């Protein structure tokens, strides 16, 4: 993302957290390096090599179940799941209420 322009001026800029394929995970999970050479024509090549070295790794090397677990752990650290579920339930009730009102209005219009 090059530039973030929020729709609302007071809206905070998003923050990004690397959840998977961290250097320590590569070692811990014994992820094999990608045997394809890094593309030197890629505009990010120099910076990547400075940060991580000459080897590339594929996210797909981490089993899907483990990726889900890493994401769940990361999300649960920043989102109050209980509060999220409460808000979701309220939204579902609001949808049902609005749908019932819409149906009553449509019925009234048919009779008019």
N, C-alpha and C. Protein backbone atom coordinates (compact mmCIF):
# COMPACT_ATOMS: atom_id res chain seq x y z
N UNK A 1 0.86 -1.16 0.00
CA UNK A 1 0.00 0.00 0.00
C UNK A 1 0.91 1.22 0.00
N UNK A 2 0.79 2.03 -1.03
CA UNK A 2 1.67 3.19 -1.13
C UNK A 2 1.19 4.33 -0.25
N UNK A 3 -0.08 4.62 -0.32
CA UNK A 3 -0.60 5.72 0.47
C UNK A 3 -2.00 5.36 0.93
N UNK A 4 -2.32 5.70 2.15
CA UNK A 4 -3.64 5.41 2.70
C UNK A 4 -4.37 6.72 2.91
N UNK A 5 -5.48 6.88 2.22
CA UNK A 5 -6.29 8.09 2.38
C UNK A 5 -7.63 7.67 2.99
N UNK A 6 -7.79 7.88 4.29
CA UNK A 6 -9.04 7.47 4.92
C UNK A 6 -10.22 8.30 4.45
N UNK A 7 -11.38 7.66 4.41
CA UNK A 7 -12.60 8.35 4.01
C UNK A 7 -12.96 9.41 5.05
N UNK A 8 -12.65 9.09 6.30
CA UNK A 8 -12.94 10.01 7.39
C UNK A 8 -11.61 10.52 7.95
N UNK A 9 -11.45 11.83 8.08
CA UNK A 9 -10.16 12.39 8.50
C UNK A 9 -9.65 11.87 9.84
N UNK A 10 -10.52 11.54 10.77
CA UNK A 10 -10.08 11.10 12.09
C UNK A 10 -9.85 9.60 12.18
N UNK A 11 -10.04 8.93 11.06
CA UNK A 11 -9.86 7.48 11.04
C UNK A 11 -8.37 7.15 11.14
N UNK A 12 -8.00 6.26 12.06
CA UNK A 12 -6.57 5.95 12.20
C UNK A 12 -6.05 5.15 11.00
N UNK A 13 -4.77 5.30 10.74
CA UNK A 13 -4.15 4.51 9.67
C UNK A 13 -4.07 3.06 10.12
N UNK A 14 -4.25 2.14 9.19
CA UNK A 14 -4.15 0.73 9.60
C UNK A 14 -2.71 0.35 9.94
N UNK A 15 -2.58 -0.62 10.79
CA UNK A 15 -1.26 -1.15 11.11
C UNK A 15 -1.21 -2.59 10.62
N UNK A 16 -0.05 -3.04 10.24
CA UNK A 16 0.11 -4.38 9.71
C UNK A 16 1.08 -5.15 10.60
N UNK A 17 0.73 -6.38 10.85
CA UNK A 17 1.56 -7.24 11.67
C UNK A 17 1.86 -8.51 10.89
N UNK A 18 3.12 -8.84 10.77
CA UNK A 18 3.49 -10.10 10.11
C UNK A 18 3.11 -11.23 11.06
N UNK A 19 2.32 -12.14 10.56
CA UNK A 19 1.83 -13.24 11.37
C UNK A 19 2.56 -14.54 11.04
N UNK A 20 2.92 -14.71 9.79
CA UNK A 20 3.53 -15.97 9.38
C UNK A 20 4.73 -15.72 8.48
N UNK A 21 5.55 -16.73 8.41
CA UNK A 21 6.78 -16.72 7.63
C UNK A 21 7.79 -15.72 8.20
N UNK A 22 7.79 -15.64 9.53
CA UNK A 22 8.78 -14.83 10.23
C UNK A 22 10.10 -15.62 10.25
N UNK A 23 11.23 -14.93 10.31
CA UNK A 23 12.52 -15.63 10.33
C UNK A 23 12.60 -16.74 11.38
N UNK A 24 12.09 -16.48 12.58
CA UNK A 24 12.17 -17.52 13.62
C UNK A 24 11.27 -18.71 13.29
N UNK A 25 10.17 -18.50 12.57
CA UNK A 25 9.30 -19.60 12.18
C UNK A 25 9.96 -20.47 11.12
N UNK A 26 10.71 -19.84 10.24
CA UNK A 26 11.40 -20.58 9.19
C UNK A 26 12.32 -21.63 9.82
N UNK A 27 13.04 -21.20 10.84
CA UNK A 27 13.94 -22.12 11.54
C UNK A 27 13.17 -23.14 12.37
N UNK A 28 12.22 -22.64 13.15
CA UNK A 28 11.44 -23.49 14.06
C UNK A 28 10.65 -24.56 13.29
N UNK A 29 10.03 -24.19 12.18
CA UNK A 29 9.20 -25.11 11.42
C UNK A 29 9.97 -25.86 10.34
N UNK A 30 11.27 -25.56 10.27
CA UNK A 30 12.15 -26.18 9.27
C UNK A 30 11.59 -26.05 7.86
N UNK A 31 11.22 -24.83 7.52
CA UNK A 31 10.65 -24.55 6.19
C UNK A 31 11.79 -24.57 5.17
N UNK A 32 11.63 -25.37 4.13
CA UNK A 32 12.69 -25.41 3.12
C UNK A 32 12.69 -24.12 2.30
N UNK A 33 13.87 -23.70 1.87
CA UNK A 33 13.91 -22.49 1.05
C UNK A 33 13.46 -22.82 -0.37
N UNK A 34 12.99 -21.81 -1.05
CA UNK A 34 12.55 -21.95 -2.44
C UNK A 34 13.80 -22.09 -3.29
N UNK A 35 13.84 -23.14 -4.07
CA UNK A 35 15.05 -23.39 -4.85
C UNK A 35 15.12 -22.55 -6.12
N UNK A 36 14.08 -21.79 -6.40
CA UNK A 36 14.13 -20.85 -7.51
C UNK A 36 14.95 -19.64 -7.06
N UNK A 37 15.85 -19.16 -7.89
CA UNK A 37 16.61 -17.98 -7.48
C UNK A 37 15.70 -16.75 -7.37
N UNK A 38 16.08 -15.86 -6.47
CA UNK A 38 15.31 -14.62 -6.34
C UNK A 38 15.44 -13.83 -7.64
N UNK A 39 14.39 -13.11 -7.98
CA UNK A 39 14.40 -12.34 -9.23
C UNK A 39 15.10 -11.00 -8.99
N UNK A 40 16.27 -10.86 -9.59
CA UNK A 40 17.05 -9.64 -9.40
C UNK A 40 16.39 -8.44 -10.07
N UNK A 41 15.45 -8.69 -10.98
CA UNK A 41 14.75 -7.60 -11.66
C UNK A 41 13.60 -7.04 -10.82
N UNK A 42 13.25 -7.75 -9.74
CA UNK A 42 12.19 -7.28 -8.86
C UNK A 42 12.64 -6.00 -8.17
N UNK A 43 11.81 -4.94 -8.18
CA UNK A 43 12.21 -3.68 -7.55
C UNK A 43 12.49 -3.81 -6.05
N UNK A 44 11.98 -4.84 -5.41
CA UNK A 44 12.19 -5.04 -3.97
C UNK A 44 13.39 -5.94 -3.67
N UNK A 45 14.07 -6.41 -4.70
CA UNK A 45 15.15 -7.38 -4.55
C UNK A 45 16.22 -6.90 -3.56
N UNK A 46 16.76 -5.70 -3.78
CA UNK A 46 17.87 -5.20 -2.95
C UNK A 46 17.48 -5.14 -1.47
N UNK A 47 16.32 -4.56 -1.22
CA UNK A 47 15.88 -4.41 0.17
C UNK A 47 15.62 -5.78 0.80
N UNK A 48 15.02 -6.69 0.02
CA UNK A 48 14.75 -8.04 0.53
C UNK A 48 16.05 -8.72 0.93
N UNK A 49 17.05 -8.66 0.05
CA UNK A 49 18.33 -9.32 0.32
C UNK A 49 19.00 -8.70 1.54
N UNK A 50 18.92 -7.38 1.68
CA UNK A 50 19.50 -6.71 2.86
C UNK A 50 18.84 -7.21 4.14
N UNK A 51 17.53 -7.38 4.10
CA UNK A 51 16.79 -7.79 5.30
C UNK A 51 16.85 -9.28 5.58
N UNK A 52 16.73 -10.10 4.53
CA UNK A 52 16.52 -11.53 4.73
C UNK A 52 17.58 -12.44 4.10
N UNK A 53 18.44 -11.89 3.28
CA UNK A 53 19.44 -12.73 2.63
C UNK A 53 18.99 -13.20 1.25
N UNK A 54 19.78 -14.08 0.68
CA UNK A 54 19.57 -14.52 -0.71
C UNK A 54 18.52 -15.62 -0.88
N UNK A 55 17.98 -16.13 0.19
CA UNK A 55 17.02 -17.23 0.08
C UNK A 55 15.58 -16.74 0.22
N UNK A 56 14.71 -17.32 -0.59
CA UNK A 56 13.29 -17.02 -0.51
C UNK A 56 12.53 -18.22 0.07
N UNK A 57 11.39 -17.95 0.65
CA UNK A 57 10.57 -19.00 1.25
C UNK A 57 9.13 -18.78 0.82
N UNK A 58 8.39 -19.87 0.70
CA UNK A 58 7.00 -19.80 0.28
C UNK A 58 6.07 -19.98 1.47
N UNK A 59 5.08 -19.11 1.56
CA UNK A 59 4.09 -19.19 2.63
C UNK A 59 3.37 -20.54 2.59
N UNK A 60 3.19 -21.08 1.40
CA UNK A 60 2.50 -22.35 1.23
C UNK A 60 3.23 -23.51 1.91
N UNK A 61 4.48 -23.31 2.30
CA UNK A 61 5.24 -24.37 2.98
C UNK A 61 4.74 -24.59 4.41
N UNK A 62 4.01 -23.62 4.94
CA UNK A 62 3.43 -23.78 6.28
C UNK A 62 2.08 -24.48 6.11
N UNK A 63 1.85 -25.58 6.83
CA UNK A 63 0.57 -26.29 6.70
C UNK A 63 -0.62 -25.36 6.99
N UNK A 64 -1.69 -25.54 6.23
CA UNK A 64 -2.87 -24.67 6.34
C UNK A 64 -3.40 -24.59 7.76
N UNK A 65 -3.48 -25.71 8.45
CA UNK A 65 -4.00 -25.71 9.82
C UNK A 65 -3.14 -24.84 10.74
N UNK A 66 -1.84 -24.86 10.49
CA UNK A 66 -0.93 -24.06 11.31
C UNK A 66 -1.10 -22.57 10.99
N UNK A 67 -1.32 -22.25 9.71
CA UNK A 67 -1.57 -20.86 9.34
C UNK A 67 -2.84 -20.34 10.01
N UNK A 68 -3.88 -21.15 10.00
CA UNK A 68 -5.14 -20.76 10.65
C UNK A 68 -4.90 -20.50 12.12
N UNK A 69 -4.14 -21.36 12.76
CA UNK A 69 -3.84 -21.20 14.18
C UNK A 69 -3.06 -19.91 14.44
N UNK A 70 -2.07 -19.62 13.59
CA UNK A 70 -1.29 -18.39 13.74
C UNK A 70 -2.18 -17.16 13.57
N UNK A 71 -3.08 -17.21 12.60
CA UNK A 71 -4.00 -16.08 12.39
C UNK A 71 -4.95 -15.91 13.56
N UNK A 72 -5.52 -17.02 14.02
CA UNK A 72 -6.43 -16.96 15.17
C UNK A 72 -5.75 -16.35 16.38
N UNK A 73 -4.53 -16.80 16.66
CA UNK A 73 -3.79 -16.27 17.81
C UNK A 73 -3.55 -14.77 17.66
N UNK A 74 -3.17 -14.36 16.47
CA UNK A 74 -2.88 -12.95 16.22
C UNK A 74 -4.14 -12.09 16.36
N UNK A 75 -5.23 -12.56 15.79
CA UNK A 75 -6.50 -11.81 15.85
C UNK A 75 -6.99 -11.70 17.29
N UNK A 76 -6.90 -12.80 18.03
CA UNK A 76 -7.42 -12.80 19.41
C UNK A 76 -6.63 -11.85 20.32
N UNK A 77 -5.42 -11.49 19.92
CA UNK A 77 -4.64 -10.54 20.71
C UNK A 77 -5.12 -9.11 20.55
N UNK A 78 -5.81 -8.82 19.45
CA UNK A 78 -6.22 -7.43 19.21
C UNK A 78 -7.74 -7.23 19.16
N UNK A 79 -8.49 -8.33 19.07
CA UNK A 79 -9.95 -8.23 19.00
C UNK A 79 -10.56 -8.96 20.19
N UNK A 80 -11.46 -8.28 20.88
CA UNK A 80 -12.20 -8.91 21.98
C UNK A 80 -13.30 -9.76 21.32
N UNK A 81 -13.06 -11.06 21.22
CA UNK A 81 -13.95 -11.95 20.49
C UNK A 81 -15.35 -11.97 21.11
N UNK A 82 -15.41 -11.95 22.43
CA UNK A 82 -16.73 -11.95 23.09
C UNK A 82 -17.52 -10.70 22.72
N UNK A 83 -16.89 -9.55 22.76
CA UNK A 83 -17.55 -8.30 22.37
C UNK A 83 -17.92 -8.34 20.89
N UNK A 84 -17.01 -8.87 20.05
CA UNK A 84 -17.29 -9.00 18.62
C UNK A 84 -18.55 -9.84 18.39
N UNK A 85 -18.64 -10.97 19.09
CA UNK A 85 -19.81 -11.85 18.94
C UNK A 85 -21.09 -11.17 19.41
N UNK A 86 -21.00 -10.39 20.50
CA UNK A 86 -22.18 -9.66 20.98
C UNK A 86 -22.66 -8.67 19.92
N UNK A 87 -21.71 -7.95 19.32
CA UNK A 87 -22.07 -6.98 18.28
C UNK A 87 -22.65 -7.68 17.05
N UNK A 88 -22.10 -8.83 16.73
CA UNK A 88 -22.61 -9.60 15.60
C UNK A 88 -24.05 -10.03 15.84
N UNK A 89 -24.34 -10.50 17.06
CA UNK A 89 -25.70 -10.90 17.41
C UNK A 89 -26.66 -9.71 17.31
N UNK A 90 -26.23 -8.53 17.79
CA UNK A 90 -27.06 -7.34 17.69
C UNK A 90 -27.33 -7.00 16.23
N UNK A 91 -26.32 -7.10 15.40
CA UNK A 91 -26.48 -6.80 13.98
C UNK A 91 -27.46 -7.78 13.33
N UNK A 92 -27.38 -9.04 13.69
CA UNK A 92 -28.31 -10.04 13.15
C UNK A 92 -29.75 -9.71 13.56
N UNK A 93 -29.94 -9.31 14.81
CA UNK A 93 -31.28 -8.94 15.28
C UNK A 93 -31.77 -7.70 14.52
N UNK A 94 -30.89 -6.74 14.31
CA UNK A 94 -31.26 -5.54 13.55
C UNK A 94 -31.68 -5.90 12.12
N UNK A 95 -30.97 -6.82 11.52
CA UNK A 95 -31.31 -7.25 10.16
C UNK A 95 -32.70 -7.88 10.14
N UNK A 96 -32.99 -8.73 11.11
CA UNK A 96 -34.30 -9.37 11.17
C UNK A 96 -35.40 -8.34 11.39
N UNK A 97 -35.16 -7.37 12.28
CA UNK A 97 -36.14 -6.32 12.54
C UNK A 97 -36.41 -5.49 11.28
N UNK A 98 -35.34 -5.08 10.61
CA UNK A 98 -35.50 -4.27 9.40
C UNK A 98 -36.18 -5.07 8.29
N UNK A 99 -35.87 -6.34 8.19
CA UNK A 99 -36.49 -7.17 7.16
C UNK A 99 -38.00 -7.30 7.42
N UNK A 100 -38.38 -7.47 8.69
CA UNK A 100 -39.80 -7.57 9.04
C UNK A 100 -40.52 -6.25 8.72
N UNK A 101 -39.88 -5.12 9.05
CA UNK A 101 -40.48 -3.82 8.74
C UNK A 101 -40.63 -3.62 7.24
N UNK A 102 -39.63 -4.03 6.49
CA UNK A 102 -39.66 -3.90 5.03
C UNK A 102 -40.83 -4.71 4.46
N UNK A 103 -41.00 -5.92 4.97
CA UNK A 103 -42.09 -6.77 4.48
C UNK A 103 -43.44 -6.16 4.80
N UNK A 104 -43.60 -5.57 5.99
CA UNK A 104 -44.87 -4.92 6.35
C UNK A 104 -45.13 -3.72 5.44
N UNK A 105 -44.09 -2.96 5.14
CA UNK A 105 -44.24 -1.80 4.25
C UNK A 105 -44.64 -2.24 2.85
N UNK A 106 -43.99 -3.28 2.34
CA UNK A 106 -44.33 -3.79 1.01
C UNK A 106 -45.75 -4.29 0.95
N UNK A 107 -46.20 -4.97 2.00
CA UNK A 107 -47.59 -5.44 2.06
C UNK A 107 -48.56 -4.27 2.08
N UNK A 108 -48.23 -3.25 2.85
CA UNK A 108 -49.10 -2.06 2.93
C UNK A 108 -49.17 -1.37 1.58
N UNK A 109 -48.07 -1.30 0.86
CA UNK A 109 -48.05 -0.67 -0.46
C UNK A 109 -48.89 -1.46 -1.47
N UNK A 110 -48.88 -2.77 -1.35
CA UNK A 110 -49.68 -3.60 -2.26
C UNK A 110 -51.18 -3.33 -2.05
N UNK A 111 -51.54 -3.10 -0.79
CA UNK A 111 -52.96 -2.87 -0.48
C UNK A 111 -53.42 -1.46 -0.80
N UNK A 112 -52.49 -0.58 -1.08
CA UNK A 112 -52.86 0.84 -1.29
C UNK A 112 -53.40 1.08 -2.68
